[in-house]
Amino acid sequence: MAAPDLHEVLGWFRGLGGLPAQPGTVYLVGGGPGDPGLLTLRAAVLLSTCDVVLHDRLSPPEALALVPDHAEVTLVGKRVGEQGLTRGEVDALMAGAAADGKAVVRLKGGDPFVFGRGGEEAEAMYLAGIPFEVVHGVTSAVAVPGAAGIPVTHRGLSAGFAVVTGHEDPSKRGGHVDYTTLGRFPGTLLFLMGVSHLRDIATQLIAHGRDPGTPAAVVGWGTTPRQASIRASLATIADAVERAGLRSPAVTVVGDVASLGEELNWRSRRPLQGVSVLVPRTREQASLLSARIRALGGEPVEAPTIAIGPGDADALDAALRELADGGFAAVCLTSPNGVRAVARALARVQLDARALAQVGTVAVVGPGTAAALWDELRIVPDLVPDTATTDALAQAFPTGSGRVLLPRADLATASLPDGLRAKGWDPVEVSAYVTRRPADLPAGVVQRLADGDLDLLAFASSSTVRNFVELIGGRPWSGRVVSIGPVTSATARELGLEVAAEADPHDLDGLVDALVRTATDHDPDRHGP
């Protein structure tokens, strides 16, 4: 049985995720514990079809990439001690936008009904007469300890668990947390938002009957590449956390399950766990690479250094009509962007993949472009060189005569047309798309580069290298460079960058393998699953 393609899978997901966000409705959506892969299908559908998003600081930032371009996105959360919007002001924003006929997503970290004040916001919508829906998320109370290899229940160790707010200061009277009961609770205790009060929490539990030697753990930024965990006894956990400098967000675990060893911590064995990788590509290309990095435990930091825009549409349309009439002997496609531009142009002039049946050879530069050709037009190329470069494509092309259509970027190098002319062909270049450099890198990326907070830089083309160097200017930066192939490596070296590794093969798979190889070489203790 053939495996389903991506379009089929996405169709199933959308169906399972329910109907799109409806005008005039507020959706209280749990974003999960941090890993964007733990976002629910329902949440993804609503985020991708809403008009307004009001999000907290701890909601997964990657989830916002799903939001339509027209939607209004507002940060309404605040850190402890910061001035920010009151709950009443947030309620008014939700109700006002819904009353104006907009579909509103209130995005929270974890689950909206687990210390997320979702119940209060739902009550406010009910009293305002606003239709609402609650979309539950994976709670950090369970997922974060699990990500560190700590199951909250375990046969023979814990038959139950209690989730407790750690935000309340145990040293003050009049609180709602009953430490007398918690001191005798036979299962696992899970404290959320409790790092700042950890010492007092441990003191109260010991004072109310908990053995000082009870295993304990604190897991920070659980389920994300920044995850870190500390294990100690209840009596010493506060000291251990202070020495390590662990800060919130974190979940504290108290109970025998915290004694379970690292053998259950599968995340720590991913080859890029904790490695930050700058991804300087177009937004669409960055998303593909970012997904691969994230699946291996890394933290992709997207920094678009190149923007793709439409090329000479009239010239491309005319060339494709001519191609359909047999005016070209071959066509060479040198990037997925070129393939997509051709597919859109064919639709624009009311043609389809059958137009390419009129040419003798359909050639592509490498497997990535071949995959795009199959995804967009269901065409298998006649020629794919062993090495994914335009030089190799020209060398692999047979000697012949006739016109060859080259729908390419406006700034493409001359190596391919020159190589085709040397073999007797008549190359016809058409600007299928244009590439432009953005005005600047995102401020957060510049700061992380300056702070030395990026481990690897993944370059997938010469243009991204040049644009990155121009955007950085004289500002300091750090990180080891990994290149997709020899042309990109040569550009990097020409601009004074040292290349730590080069992809082989010269495609997305090869680039990911080179990232893993570089991370492993730098840290011999790092290994794959």
Protein backbone atom coordinates (compact mmCIF):
# COMPACT_ATOMS: atom_id res chain seq x y z
CA MET A 1 0.00 0.00 0.00
CA ALA A 2 1.45 3.39 -1.01
CA ALA A 3 2.14 5.91 1.72
CA PRO A 4 -0.19 8.95 1.70
CA ASP A 5 1.31 12.17 0.42
CA LEU A 6 1.52 15.38 2.45
CA HIS A 7 -1.61 16.90 0.92
CA GLU A 8 -3.68 13.87 1.89
CA VAL A 9 -2.31 13.90 5.45
CA LEU A 10 -3.04 17.61 5.85
CA GLY A 11 -6.56 17.01 4.59
CA TRP A 12 -7.14 14.35 7.24
CA PHE A 13 -5.73 16.63 9.93
CA ARG A 14 -7.99 19.50 8.95
CA GLY A 15 -10.99 17.17 9.02
CA LEU A 16 -10.09 15.87 12.47
CA GLY A 17 -9.53 19.43 13.70
CA GLY A 18 -13.13 20.45 13.16
CA LEU A 19 -14.70 23.50 11.58
CA PRO A 20 -12.83 26.79 11.11
CA ALA A 21 -13.12 29.61 13.63
CA GLN A 22 -16.55 31.26 13.44
CA PRO A 23 -17.20 35.02 13.47
CA GLY A 24 -18.41 36.39 16.78
CA THR A 25 -16.99 33.51 18.82
CA VAL A 26 -14.21 33.40 21.42
CA TYR A 27 -12.03 30.31 21.59
CA LEU A 28 -10.11 29.70 24.82
CA VAL A 29 -7.25 27.61 23.42
CA GLY A 30 -4.58 25.69 25.29
CA GLY A 31 -1.25 25.88 23.49
CA GLY A 32 0.36 23.00 25.36
CA PRO A 33 3.60 22.89 27.36
CA GLY A 34 5.95 24.47 24.80
CA ASP A 35 6.70 21.90 22.10
CA PRO A 36 4.66 23.07 19.07
CA GLY A 37 4.21 19.42 18.11
CA LEU A 38 1.99 19.02 21.17
CA LEU A 39 -0.48 21.60 19.89
CA THR A 40 -3.86 19.95 19.29
CA LEU A 41 -5.36 19.65 15.83
CA ARG A 42 -8.33 21.74 16.95
CA ALA A 43 -6.02 24.51 18.13
CA ALA A 44 -4.15 24.47 14.80
CA VAL A 45 -7.38 24.78 12.79
CA LEU A 46 -8.62 27.69 14.90
CA LEU A 47 -5.31 29.54 14.81
CA SER A 48 -5.14 29.20 11.03
CA THR A 49 -8.67 30.56 10.48
CA CYS A 50 -9.13 33.25 13.15
CA ASP A 51 -9.20 37.06 12.92
CA VAL A 52 -7.74 37.96 16.33
CA VAL A 53 -5.20 36.25 18.62
CA LEU A 54 -4.62 37.35 22.21
CA HIS A 55 -1.73 35.27 23.52
CA ASP A 56 0.23 34.78 26.73
CA ARG A 57 4.03 34.77 27.04
CA LEU A 58 4.20 31.02 27.60
CA SER A 59 2.08 30.02 24.62
CA PRO A 60 4.30 28.38 21.95
CA PRO A 61 5.64 31.17 19.70
CA GLU A 62 5.80 28.75 16.75
CA ALA A 63 2.01 28.42 16.91
CA LEU A 64 1.68 32.03 15.77
CA ALA A 65 3.14 31.04 12.39
CA LEU A 66 -0.24 29.40 11.71
CA VAL A 67 -2.11 32.69 12.05
CA PRO A 68 -3.38 34.28 8.79
CA ASP A 69 -1.65 37.45 7.62
CA HIS A 70 -4.81 39.52 8.09
CA ALA A 71 -5.25 38.57 11.75
CA GLU A 72 -4.49 40.93 14.65
CA VAL A 73 -1.99 39.38 17.09
CA THR A 74 -1.57 40.91 20.56
CA LEU A 75 0.56 39.83 23.51
CA VAL A 76 -1.58 40.18 26.63
CA GLY A 77 0.48 38.17 29.13
CA LYS A 78 3.07 39.61 31.47
CA ARG A 79 5.95 38.44 33.59
CA VAL A 80 5.78 38.48 37.36
CA GLY A 81 6.25 42.06 38.58
CA GLU A 82 5.46 43.63 35.20
CA GLN A 83 2.65 46.06 34.55
CA GLY A 84 0.31 44.69 31.95
CA LEU A 85 -3.31 44.36 31.01
CA THR A 86 -5.65 43.35 33.81
CA ARG A 87 -7.90 40.35 33.41
CA GLY A 88 -10.84 42.69 33.01
CA GLU A 89 -9.08 44.51 30.17
CA VAL A 90 -8.31 41.23 28.43
CA ASP A 91 -11.94 40.15 28.85
CA ALA A 92 -13.05 43.43 27.29
CA LEU A 93 -10.71 42.92 24.32
CA MET A 94 -12.08 39.43 23.70
CA ALA A 95 -15.71 40.42 24.05
CA GLY A 96 -15.30 43.59 21.99
CA ALA A 97 -13.63 41.83 19.07
CA ALA A 98 -16.23 39.06 19.08
CA ALA A 99 -19.05 41.61 19.22
CA ASP A 100 -17.52 43.21 16.10
CA GLY A 101 -17.98 39.89 14.29
CA LYS A 102 -14.40 38.63 14.56
CA ALA A 103 -13.29 35.10 15.35
CA VAL A 104 -11.13 35.41 18.47
CA VAL A 105 -8.51 32.96 19.78
CA ARG A 106 -7.33 33.46 23.35
CA LEU A 107 -4.12 31.41 23.29
CA LYS A 108 -2.64 30.19 26.57
CA GLY A 109 0.20 27.94 27.59
CA GLY A 110 -0.71 24.46 28.81
CA ASP A 111 -4.42 23.95 29.41
CA PRO A 112 -6.70 26.97 29.94
CA PHE A 113 -8.44 25.27 32.89
CA VAL A 114 -5.22 24.33 34.75
CA PHE A 115 -4.03 27.52 36.46
CA GLY A 116 -4.71 29.36 33.22
CA ARG A 117 -7.63 31.47 34.48
CA GLY A 118 -9.62 30.01 31.63
CA GLY A 119 -12.57 29.35 33.89
CA GLU A 120 -12.77 33.02 34.84
CA GLU A 121 -12.53 34.12 31.22
CA ALA A 122 -15.22 31.64 30.20
CA GLU A 123 -17.48 33.05 32.91
CA ALA A 124 -16.83 36.57 31.64
CA MET A 125 -17.81 35.57 28.08
CA TYR A 126 -20.97 33.89 29.36
CA LEU A 127 -21.99 37.00 31.29
CA ALA A 128 -21.28 39.17 28.24
CA GLY A 129 -23.44 36.95 26.04
CA ILE A 130 -20.50 35.98 23.81
CA PRO A 131 -20.43 32.43 22.38
CA PHE A 132 -17.27 30.62 23.43
CA GLU A 133 -15.53 27.27 23.09
CA VAL A 134 -12.84 25.80 25.33
CA VAL A 135 -10.06 23.93 23.52
CA HIS A 136 -8.06 21.97 26.04
CA GLY A 137 -4.30 21.66 25.71
CA VAL A 138 -1.67 19.24 26.97
CA THR A 139 -0.98 20.42 30.50
CA SER A 140 2.59 21.10 31.55
CA ALA A 141 1.82 19.38 34.87
CA VAL A 142 2.04 16.02 33.11
CA ALA A 143 4.02 16.71 29.92
CA VAL A 144 6.97 18.58 31.45
CA PRO A 145 7.96 15.91 34.01
CA GLY A 146 7.36 13.29 31.31
CA ALA A 147 9.71 15.11 28.96
CA ALA A 148 12.45 14.68 31.58
CA GLY A 149 11.70 10.96 31.94
CA ILE A 150 9.50 11.31 35.03
CA PRO A 151 6.04 9.72 34.74
CA VAL A 152 3.66 11.32 37.24
CA THR A 153 2.22 7.87 38.04
CA HIS A 154 4.07 4.56 38.05
CA ARG A 155 3.02 1.14 39.25
CA GLY A 156 4.55 0.52 42.64
CA LEU A 157 5.71 4.13 43.08
CA SER A 158 2.69 6.41 42.71
CA ALA A 159 -1.01 5.64 42.31
CA GLY A 160 -2.04 9.26 41.87
CA PHE A 161 -0.88 12.86 41.60
CA ALA A 162 -1.92 16.29 42.81
CA VAL A 163 -1.34 19.51 40.88
CA VAL A 164 -0.72 22.49 43.14
CA THR A 165 -0.04 26.17 42.51
CA GLY A 166 3.45 27.16 43.52
CA HIS A 167 2.68 30.83 42.96
CA GLU A 168 1.27 31.19 46.46
CA ASP A 169 3.85 32.04 49.14
CA PRO A 170 3.70 29.19 51.71
CA SER A 171 5.22 31.42 54.43
CA LYS A 172 2.18 33.70 54.44
CA ARG A 173 -0.99 32.94 56.35
CA GLY A 174 -4.41 32.71 54.76
CA GLY A 175 -3.40 30.77 51.65
CA HIS A 176 -5.50 28.18 49.85
CA VAL A 177 -2.86 25.41 49.73
CA ASP A 178 -3.36 22.84 52.51
CA TYR A 179 0.17 21.66 53.36
CA THR A 180 -1.16 19.46 56.14
CA THR A 181 -2.96 17.35 53.54
CA LEU A 182 -0.12 17.56 51.03
CA GLY A 183 2.39 16.39 53.63
CA ARG A 184 0.42 13.14 53.96
CA PHE A 185 -0.51 12.73 50.28
CA PRO A 186 0.73 9.27 49.17
CA GLY A 187 1.28 10.07 45.50
CA THR A 188 3.19 12.57 43.36
CA LEU A 189 3.02 16.31 44.05
CA LEU A 190 3.39 18.67 41.10
CA PHE A 191 3.94 22.38 41.75
CA LEU A 192 3.46 24.80 38.87
CA MET A 193 5.00 28.30 38.93
CA GLY A 194 6.85 27.47 42.13
CA VAL A 195 10.57 28.12 41.55
CA SER A 196 10.61 31.42 43.44
CA HIS A 197 8.96 29.77 46.46
CA LEU A 198 10.71 26.41 46.20
CA ARG A 199 12.59 26.64 49.50
CA ASP A 200 9.45 27.55 51.44
CA ILE A 201 7.45 24.82 49.69
CA ALA A 202 10.02 22.18 50.66
CA THR A 203 10.15 23.50 54.24
CA GLN A 204 6.36 23.33 54.59
CA LEU A 205 6.14 19.82 53.17
CA ILE A 206 8.85 18.53 55.51
CA ALA A 207 7.22 20.31 58.46
CA HIS A 208 3.92 18.57 57.66
CA GLY A 209 5.26 15.04 57.44
CA ARG A 210 7.16 14.56 54.18
CA ASP A 211 10.45 12.69 54.55
CA PRO A 212 13.36 15.10 53.82
CA GLY A 213 14.88 12.35 51.70
CA THR A 214 11.88 12.19 49.35
CA PRO A 215 13.10 12.38 45.74
CA ALA A 216 12.40 15.70 44.03
CA ALA A 217 13.05 17.27 40.65
CA VAL A 218 12.61 20.62 38.95
CA VAL A 219 12.21 20.68 35.16
CA GLY A 220 12.59 24.02 33.39
CA TRP A 221 11.36 24.83 29.88
CA GLY A 222 10.12 21.27 29.57
CA THR A 223 9.41 19.78 26.11
CA THR A 224 11.49 22.53 24.41
CA PRO A 225 15.13 22.49 23.27
CA ARG A 226 15.95 24.67 26.30
CA GLN A 227 14.82 21.94 28.70
CA ALA A 228 16.94 21.45 31.82
CA SER A 229 16.25 19.38 34.91
CA ILE A 230 17.65 19.15 38.43
CA ARG A 231 17.17 16.12 40.69
CA ALA A 232 17.84 16.05 44.44
CA SER A 233 16.15 15.22 47.73
CA LEU A 234 13.30 17.36 49.02
CA ALA A 235 15.64 18.78 51.66
CA THR A 236 18.31 19.82 49.12
CA ILE A 237 16.37 20.60 45.94
CA ALA A 238 16.21 24.36 46.59
CA ASP A 239 19.99 24.57 47.03
CA ALA A 240 20.56 22.49 43.88
CA VAL A 241 18.25 24.69 41.81
CA GLU A 242 19.93 27.86 43.07
CA ARG A 243 23.39 26.51 42.22
CA ALA A 244 22.24 25.61 38.72
CA GLY A 245 20.60 28.99 38.19
CA LEU A 246 17.37 27.36 36.99
CA ARG A 247 14.52 29.84 36.56
CA SER A 248 10.86 29.72 35.64
CA PRO A 249 8.94 28.44 33.79
CA ALA A 250 9.42 25.15 35.58
CA VAL A 251 7.50 22.28 37.15
CA THR A 252 8.54 20.87 40.52
CA VAL A 253 8.01 17.16 41.16
CA VAL A 254 7.99 15.68 44.67
CA GLY A 255 7.62 11.93 45.07
CA ASP A 256 9.24 8.57 44.43
CA VAL A 257 8.79 8.86 40.65
CA ALA A 258 11.44 11.60 40.68
CA SER A 259 14.00 8.90 41.50
CA LEU A 260 13.55 7.19 38.16
CA GLY A 261 16.74 7.39 36.16
CA GLU A 262 17.64 9.02 32.89
CA GLU A 263 16.74 5.87 30.97
CA LEU A 264 13.22 7.28 30.41
CA ASN A 265 14.49 10.69 29.28
CA TRP A 266 14.23 10.01 25.55
CA ARG A 267 14.45 13.69 24.63
CA SER A 268 17.98 14.00 25.97
CA ARG A 269 19.12 11.34 23.49
CA ARG A 270 18.04 13.28 20.40
CA PRO A 271 21.14 14.30 18.42
CA LEU A 272 20.40 18.05 18.37
CA GLN A 273 18.87 18.35 21.82
CA GLY A 274 19.65 21.80 23.20
CA VAL A 275 21.46 22.94 20.04
CA SER A 276 20.36 26.29 18.62
CA VAL A 277 20.52 26.64 14.83
CA LEU A 278 20.16 29.86 12.87
CA VAL A 279 18.02 29.19 9.80
CA PRO A 280 18.60 32.06 7.35
CA ARG A 281 16.20 31.18 4.54
CA THR A 282 12.86 32.28 3.12
CA ARG A 283 9.96 31.75 5.50
CA GLU A 284 8.63 28.72 3.56
CA GLN A 285 12.04 27.07 3.24
CA ALA A 286 12.92 27.87 6.84
CA SER A 287 9.78 26.12 8.03
CA LEU A 288 10.79 22.88 6.30
CA LEU A 289 14.29 22.93 7.77
CA SER A 290 13.03 24.11 11.16
CA ALA A 291 10.66 21.16 11.41
CA ARG A 292 13.54 18.74 10.83
CA ILE A 293 15.76 20.49 13.39
CA ARG A 294 12.96 20.57 15.96
CA ALA A 295 12.24 16.85 15.50
CA LEU A 296 15.87 16.13 16.41
CA GLY A 297 15.68 18.23 19.58
CA GLY A 298 17.24 21.41 18.24
CA GLU A 299 16.03 24.97 18.50
CA PRO A 300 15.59 26.54 15.06
CA VAL A 301 15.98 30.32 15.12
CA GLU A 302 14.47 31.62 11.91
CA ALA A 303 16.07 34.71 10.42
CA PRO A 304 14.85 35.42 6.88
CA THR A 305 17.78 36.75 4.87
CA ILE A 306 16.05 36.43 1.54
CA ALA A 307 12.55 37.25 0.34
CA ILE A 308 11.01 35.67 -2.74
CA GLY A 309 8.83 37.75 -5.03
CA PRO A 310 7.18 37.29 -8.42
CA GLY A 311 9.44 37.55 -11.46
CA ASP A 312 8.57 38.61 -14.99
CA ALA A 313 5.11 37.03 -15.17
CA ASP A 314 4.43 38.10 -18.77
CA ALA A 315 7.72 36.63 -20.00
CA LEU A 316 7.23 33.38 -18.08
CA ASP A 317 3.64 33.02 -19.30
CA ALA A 318 4.75 33.56 -22.91
CA ALA A 319 7.61 31.06 -22.55
CA LEU A 320 5.29 28.37 -21.16
CA ARG A 321 2.78 28.87 -23.96
CA GLU A 322 5.66 28.50 -26.41
CA LEU A 323 6.85 25.41 -24.57
CA ALA A 324 3.38 23.85 -24.84
CA ASP A 325 3.55 24.44 -28.61
CA GLY A 326 6.85 22.57 -28.88
CA GLY A 327 9.11 25.61 -28.92
CA PHE A 328 11.70 24.17 -26.50
CA ALA A 329 13.73 21.00 -26.60
CA ALA A 330 14.34 20.91 -22.83
CA VAL A 331 13.62 22.70 -19.58
CA CYS A 332 15.98 23.04 -16.59
CA LEU A 333 14.62 23.75 -13.11
CA THR A 334 17.20 24.81 -10.55
CA SER A 335 15.21 25.30 -7.33
CA PRO A 336 11.89 24.47 -5.65
CA ASN A 337 11.04 28.17 -5.95
CA GLY A 338 11.40 27.92 -9.73
CA VAL A 339 9.18 24.84 -9.79
CA ARG A 340 6.48 26.61 -7.80
CA ALA A 341 6.69 29.67 -10.06
CA VAL A 342 6.24 27.46 -13.13
CA ALA A 343 3.30 25.61 -11.56
CA ARG A 344 1.55 28.91 -10.77
CA ALA A 345 2.25 30.26 -14.24
CA LEU A 346 0.87 27.11 -15.91
CA ALA A 347 -2.36 27.53 -13.96
CA ARG A 348 -2.42 31.22 -14.85
CA VAL A 349 -2.32 30.49 -18.60
CA GLN A 350 -4.74 27.56 -18.24
CA LEU A 351 -2.18 24.86 -18.88
CA ASP A 352 -1.08 21.92 -16.76
CA ALA A 353 1.70 19.34 -16.48
CA ARG A 354 0.93 18.01 -19.96
CA ALA A 355 2.63 21.11 -21.39
CA LEU A 356 6.01 19.69 -20.33
CA ALA A 357 5.34 16.52 -22.35
CA GLN A 358 6.30 18.56 -25.41
CA VAL A 359 9.97 18.78 -24.36
CA GLY A 360 12.50 16.00 -24.74
CA THR A 361 14.24 16.50 -21.38
CA VAL A 362 13.04 17.80 -18.04
CA ALA A 363 16.14 18.38 -15.90
CA VAL A 364 16.45 19.46 -12.27
CA VAL A 365 19.45 20.47 -10.20
CA GLY A 366 18.95 18.00 -7.35
CA PRO A 367 16.61 15.83 -5.27
CA GLY A 368 15.01 18.78 -3.47
CA THR A 369 13.90 20.31 -6.76
CA ALA A 370 12.84 16.86 -7.99
CA ALA A 371 10.64 16.46 -4.92
CA ALA A 372 9.07 19.87 -5.52
CA LEU A 373 8.42 18.94 -9.17
CA TRP A 374 6.58 15.83 -8.05
CA ASP A 375 4.62 17.65 -5.33
CA GLU A 376 3.55 20.49 -7.63
CA LEU A 377 3.10 18.82 -11.01
CA ARG A 378 3.47 15.05 -10.46
CA ILE A 379 6.37 14.95 -12.92
CA VAL A 380 9.46 12.76 -12.54
CA PRO A 381 12.52 14.49 -14.09
CA ASP A 382 14.54 12.87 -16.84
CA LEU A 383 17.86 14.19 -15.55
CA VAL A 384 19.14 14.71 -11.98
CA PRO A 385 22.93 15.13 -11.59
CA ASP A 386 24.79 13.17 -8.94
CA THR A 387 25.89 16.44 -7.31
CA ALA A 388 23.21 19.06 -6.68
CA THR A 389 24.90 22.08 -8.31
CA THR A 390 24.24 23.99 -11.50
CA ASP A 391 27.79 23.18 -12.66
CA ALA A 392 27.07 19.47 -12.26
CA LEU A 393 23.75 19.88 -14.07
CA ALA A 394 25.51 21.51 -17.04
CA GLN A 395 28.12 18.74 -17.08
CA ALA A 396 25.46 16.02 -16.93
CA PHE A 397 23.49 17.51 -19.80
CA PRO A 398 24.11 15.68 -23.10
CA THR A 399 25.58 17.38 -26.14
CA GLY A 400 22.84 18.54 -28.48
CA SER A 401 21.02 21.43 -30.06
CA GLY A 402 17.80 23.33 -29.56
CA ARG A 403 16.38 25.81 -27.11
CA VAL A 404 16.43 25.12 -23.36
CA LEU A 405 14.07 27.02 -21.06
CA LEU A 406 15.68 28.18 -17.78
CA PRO A 407 13.00 29.63 -15.46
CA ARG A 408 15.25 30.89 -12.66
CA ALA A 409 15.90 33.60 -10.10
CA ASP A 410 16.72 37.05 -11.38
CA LEU A 411 20.20 36.93 -9.81
CA ALA A 412 21.18 33.39 -10.84
CA THR A 413 24.80 32.76 -11.82
CA ALA A 414 25.90 32.26 -15.44
CA SER A 415 27.46 28.81 -14.96
CA LEU A 416 24.45 26.83 -16.19
CA PRO A 417 23.68 28.78 -19.40
CA ASP A 418 27.39 29.00 -20.21
CA GLY A 419 27.77 25.26 -19.73
CA LEU A 420 24.76 24.53 -21.95
CA ARG A 421 26.07 26.78 -24.73
CA ALA A 422 29.39 24.92 -24.60
CA LYS A 423 27.44 21.73 -25.40
CA GLY A 424 25.58 23.24 -28.36
CA TRP A 425 22.32 24.27 -26.71
CA ASP A 426 20.56 27.64 -26.89
CA PRO A 427 19.56 28.54 -23.27
CA VAL A 428 16.67 30.98 -22.82
CA GLU A 429 16.61 32.53 -19.33
CA VAL A 430 13.34 33.82 -17.87
CA SER A 431 12.96 35.51 -14.50
CA ALA A 432 10.55 33.13 -12.75
CA TYR A 433 11.04 34.82 -9.38
CA VAL A 434 13.12 37.53 -7.79
CA THR A 435 15.16 37.43 -4.61
CA ARG A 436 15.59 40.41 -2.35
CA ARG A 437 17.40 41.10 0.90
CA PRO A 438 15.23 42.29 3.82
CA ALA A 439 16.05 45.58 5.55
CA ASP A 440 17.46 43.94 8.68
CA LEU A 441 17.53 40.81 10.79
CA PRO A 442 15.00 40.51 13.63
CA ALA A 443 16.30 42.29 16.74
CA GLY A 444 16.14 39.10 18.80
CA VAL A 445 18.34 37.26 16.32
CA VAL A 446 20.94 40.04 16.31
CA GLN A 447 21.05 39.95 20.11
CA ARG A 448 21.46 36.17 20.23
CA LEU A 449 24.30 36.34 17.73
CA ALA A 450 26.01 39.05 19.76
CA ASP A 451 25.54 37.08 22.99
CA GLY A 452 27.05 33.95 21.48
CA ASP A 453 23.71 32.22 22.00
CA LEU A 454 23.59 30.45 18.62
CA ASP A 455 25.51 27.22 18.14
CA LEU A 456 25.18 26.56 14.40
CA LEU A 457 24.35 28.56 11.27
CA ALA A 458 22.78 26.59 8.42
CA PHE A 459 23.32 28.14 4.99
CA ALA A 460 21.43 26.66 2.04
CA SER A 461 22.51 29.03 -0.75
CA SER A 462 25.15 31.57 -1.66
CA SER A 463 22.58 34.36 -1.61
CA THR A 464 21.68 33.65 2.01
CA VAL A 465 25.37 33.80 2.96
CA ARG A 466 25.88 37.13 1.19
CA ASN A 467 22.72 38.62 2.60
CA PHE A 468 23.54 37.43 6.11
CA VAL A 469 27.01 39.01 6.01
CA GLU A 470 25.57 42.27 4.67
CA LEU A 471 22.79 42.31 7.28
CA ILE A 472 25.21 41.66 10.13
CA GLY A 473 27.61 44.34 8.92
CA GLY A 474 30.25 44.98 11.54
CA ARG A 475 28.18 43.64 14.41
CA PRO A 476 29.66 40.75 16.40
CA TRP A 477 28.29 37.26 15.92
CA SER A 478 29.18 33.68 16.66
CA GLY A 479 28.27 30.16 15.63
CA ARG A 480 29.75 27.40 13.45
CA VAL A 481 28.79 27.49 9.78
CA VAL A 482 27.25 24.48 8.04
CA SER A 483 26.80 24.69 4.26
CA ILE A 484 24.52 22.83 1.85
CA GLY A 485 27.17 22.42 -0.85
CA PRO A 486 30.44 23.47 -2.47
CA VAL A 487 29.13 26.63 -4.15
CA THR A 488 27.67 27.90 -0.89
CA SER A 489 30.85 26.90 0.97
CA ALA A 490 32.99 28.80 -1.54
CA THR A 491 30.88 31.92 -1.06
CA ALA A 492 31.15 31.62 2.71
CA ARG A 493 34.94 31.29 2.58
CA GLU A 494 35.18 34.15 0.11
CA LEU A 495 33.40 36.32 2.68
CA GLY A 496 35.72 35.23 5.48
CA LEU A 497 33.56 32.55 7.12
CA GLU A 498 34.99 29.25 8.27
CA VAL A 499 32.84 26.30 7.17
CA ALA A 500 32.64 23.59 9.81
CA ALA A 501 30.78 21.05 7.65
CA GLU A 502 29.28 20.62 4.19
CA ALA A 503 26.17 18.63 3.28
CA ASP A 504 26.54 15.41 1.30
CA PRO A 505 24.27 14.97 -0.60
CA HIS A 506 23.70 18.68 -1.25
CA ASP A 507 20.05 18.82 -0.23
CA LEU A 508 17.90 19.28 2.86
CA ASP A 509 18.60 15.76 4.14
CA GLY A 510 22.32 16.28 3.69
CA LEU A 511 22.19 19.64 5.43
CA VAL A 512 20.42 18.15 8.44
CA ASP A 513 22.94 15.30 8.60
CA ALA A 514 25.78 17.85 8.49
CA LEU A 515 24.21 19.77 11.38
CA VAL A 516 24.02 16.57 13.44
CA ARG A 517 27.58 15.65 12.53
CA THR A 518 28.86 19.07 13.55
CA ALA A 519 26.99 19.04 16.85
CA THR A 520 28.25 15.53 17.62
CA ASP A 521 31.85 16.37 16.73
CA HIS A 522 31.70 19.36 19.06
CA ASP A 523 30.14 17.31 21.88
CA PRO A 524 31.25 13.65 21.73
CA ASP A 525 28.74 12.72 24.48
CA ARG A 526 25.86 13.65 22.19
CA HIS A 527 24.32 10.72 20.35
CA GLY A 528 21.23 9.84 18.41
CA PRO A 529 18.16 7.94 19.54
